[in-house]
Amino acid sequence: MKDNKVLSYIEDVLECMPSDWLRLTTHRLDIYNEALAKTEFLEHFEKLYAAHTSDTSALGELPTAYDYIRLGHPLSSILEWTLAKLHGLKPGNVISFSSMTAPVLVDTEKKFI
């Protein structure tokens, strides 16, 4: 399960993330493309990962992470992407939702994690 490349990259991302990622409850609805919902963010994030690019300006240019299922946010999308990478799952199929009574993490193709 441990993938040092993934974990190292995520550490860099968390260190360099745009400050608005901590303040927004939903991510950039002004640039939201409903047809591409979660996938557009993940595709661009994967390209940054492949290039090991984690600077604040590159992260700030990512498309919106919003989707209708869970009011997505960059950090929740990155959490899902990381868990998928560490478990050999498709990142687009991992969905997390947090609440006081029932936090949920699911791979929509295979099983509950």
Protein backbone atom coordinates (compact mmCIF):
# COMPACT_ATOMS: atom_id res chain seq x y z
CA MET A 1 0.00 0.00 0.00
CA LYS A 2 2.75 2.52 0.82
CA ASP A 3 3.80 4.44 -2.26
CA ASN A 4 6.52 6.92 -1.35
CA LYS A 5 6.21 8.80 -4.65
CA VAL A 6 2.50 9.44 -4.11
CA LEU A 7 2.92 10.35 -0.43
CA SER A 8 5.87 12.65 -1.14
CA TYR A 9 3.90 14.43 -3.85
CA ILE A 10 0.89 14.88 -1.59
CA GLU A 11 3.12 16.38 1.10
CA ASP A 12 4.38 18.89 -1.49
CA VAL A 13 0.84 19.69 -2.62
CA LEU A 14 -0.34 20.31 0.94
CA GLU A 15 2.62 22.58 1.56
CA CYS A 16 2.07 24.59 -1.64
CA MET A 17 -1.73 24.54 -2.00
CA PRO A 18 -3.46 27.83 -2.75
CA SER A 19 -4.75 29.55 0.39
CA ASP A 20 -8.33 29.61 -0.93
CA TRP A 21 -8.42 25.82 -0.74
CA LEU A 22 -8.82 26.21 3.02
CA ARG A 23 -11.52 28.88 2.80
CA LEU A 24 -13.85 27.67 0.06
CA THR A 25 -16.74 25.35 0.81
CA THR A 26 -17.24 24.55 -2.85
CA HIS A 27 -14.56 25.04 -5.44
CA ARG A 28 -14.72 27.70 -8.16
CA LEU A 29 -18.26 27.48 -9.45
CA ASP A 30 -17.39 30.28 -11.87
CA ILE A 31 -15.26 27.79 -13.84
CA TYR A 32 -17.44 24.74 -13.24
CA ASN A 33 -17.99 22.52 -16.28
CA GLU A 34 -20.81 20.16 -15.31
CA ALA A 35 -20.18 17.77 -18.20
CA LEU A 36 -16.68 17.13 -16.90
CA ALA A 37 -17.50 17.35 -13.17
CA LYS A 38 -14.90 15.51 -11.08
CA THR A 39 -12.97 14.04 -14.02
CA GLU A 40 -11.55 17.31 -15.34
CA PHE A 41 -9.91 18.16 -12.00
CA LEU A 42 -8.48 14.65 -11.65
CA GLU A 43 -7.10 14.57 -15.21
CA HIS A 44 -5.26 17.86 -14.69
CA PHE A 45 -4.08 16.85 -11.22
CA GLU A 46 -2.71 13.58 -12.64
CA LYS A 47 -0.69 15.58 -15.18
CA LEU A 48 0.78 17.71 -12.40
CA TYR A 49 1.64 14.52 -10.50
CA ALA A 50 3.34 12.98 -13.54
CA ALA A 51 5.45 16.13 -13.92
CA HIS A 52 5.92 16.35 -10.12
CA THR A 53 4.62 19.91 -10.28
CA SER A 54 3.16 21.17 -7.04
CA ASP A 55 3.80 24.89 -7.08
CA THR A 56 0.99 27.13 -5.87
CA SER A 57 0.35 28.75 -9.24
CA ALA A 58 -0.05 25.41 -11.04
CA LEU A 59 -2.38 24.09 -8.32
CA GLY A 60 -4.37 27.33 -8.44
CA GLU A 61 -5.02 26.84 -12.15
CA LEU A 62 -6.66 23.43 -11.72
CA PRO A 63 -10.25 23.22 -12.97
CA THR A 64 -13.02 23.11 -10.41
CA ALA A 65 -13.31 20.02 -8.24
CA TYR A 66 -17.05 20.46 -7.67
CA ASP A 67 -19.43 17.64 -8.49
CA TYR A 68 -23.08 17.21 -7.71
CA ILE A 69 -22.59 14.11 -5.55
CA ARG A 70 -20.59 15.62 -2.73
CA LEU A 71 -20.02 19.33 -3.34
CA GLY A 72 -16.44 18.53 -4.15
CA HIS A 73 -13.47 20.49 -3.03
CA PRO A 74 -9.82 20.26 -4.11
CA LEU A 75 -8.78 18.64 -0.84
CA SER A 76 -11.54 16.00 -0.90
CA SER A 77 -10.72 15.22 -4.53
CA ILE A 78 -7.03 14.92 -3.70
CA LEU A 79 -7.84 12.65 -0.73
CA GLU A 80 -9.86 10.41 -3.04
CA TRP A 81 -7.11 10.45 -5.69
CA THR A 82 -4.47 9.54 -3.09
CA LEU A 83 -6.48 6.67 -1.63
CA ALA A 84 -7.19 5.35 -5.11
CA LYS A 85 -3.49 5.50 -6.06
CA LEU A 86 -2.46 3.73 -2.87
CA HIS A 87 -5.03 0.95 -3.37
CA GLY A 88 -4.84 0.48 -7.15
CA LEU A 89 -8.30 1.90 -7.80
CA LYS A 90 -9.58 4.31 -10.43
CA PRO A 91 -9.54 7.79 -8.86
CA GLY A 92 -12.76 8.79 -10.61
CA ASN A 93 -14.58 5.99 -8.81
CA VAL A 94 -13.56 6.84 -5.25
CA ILE A 95 -16.01 9.08 -3.43
CA SER A 96 -15.71 10.41 0.10
CA PHE A 97 -18.34 12.13 2.15
CA SER A 98 -17.91 13.25 5.72
CA SER A 99 -20.53 13.89 8.33
CA MET A 100 -20.74 13.72 12.10
CA THR A 101 -22.80 10.52 11.92
CA ALA A 102 -21.58 8.61 8.86
CA PRO A 103 -18.31 9.37 7.09
CA VAL A 104 -18.25 7.33 3.89
CA LEU A 105 -15.50 6.28 1.49
CA VAL A 106 -16.47 4.05 -1.41
CA ASP A 107 -15.06 2.72 -4.65
CA THR A 108 -18.12 2.83 -6.89
CA GLU A 109 -16.86 -0.05 -9.02
CA LYS A 110 -15.65 -2.57 -6.46
CA LYS A 111 -16.28 -2.36 -2.75
CA PHE A 112 -16.43 -0.26 0.36
CA ILE A 113 -13.05 0.73 1.73
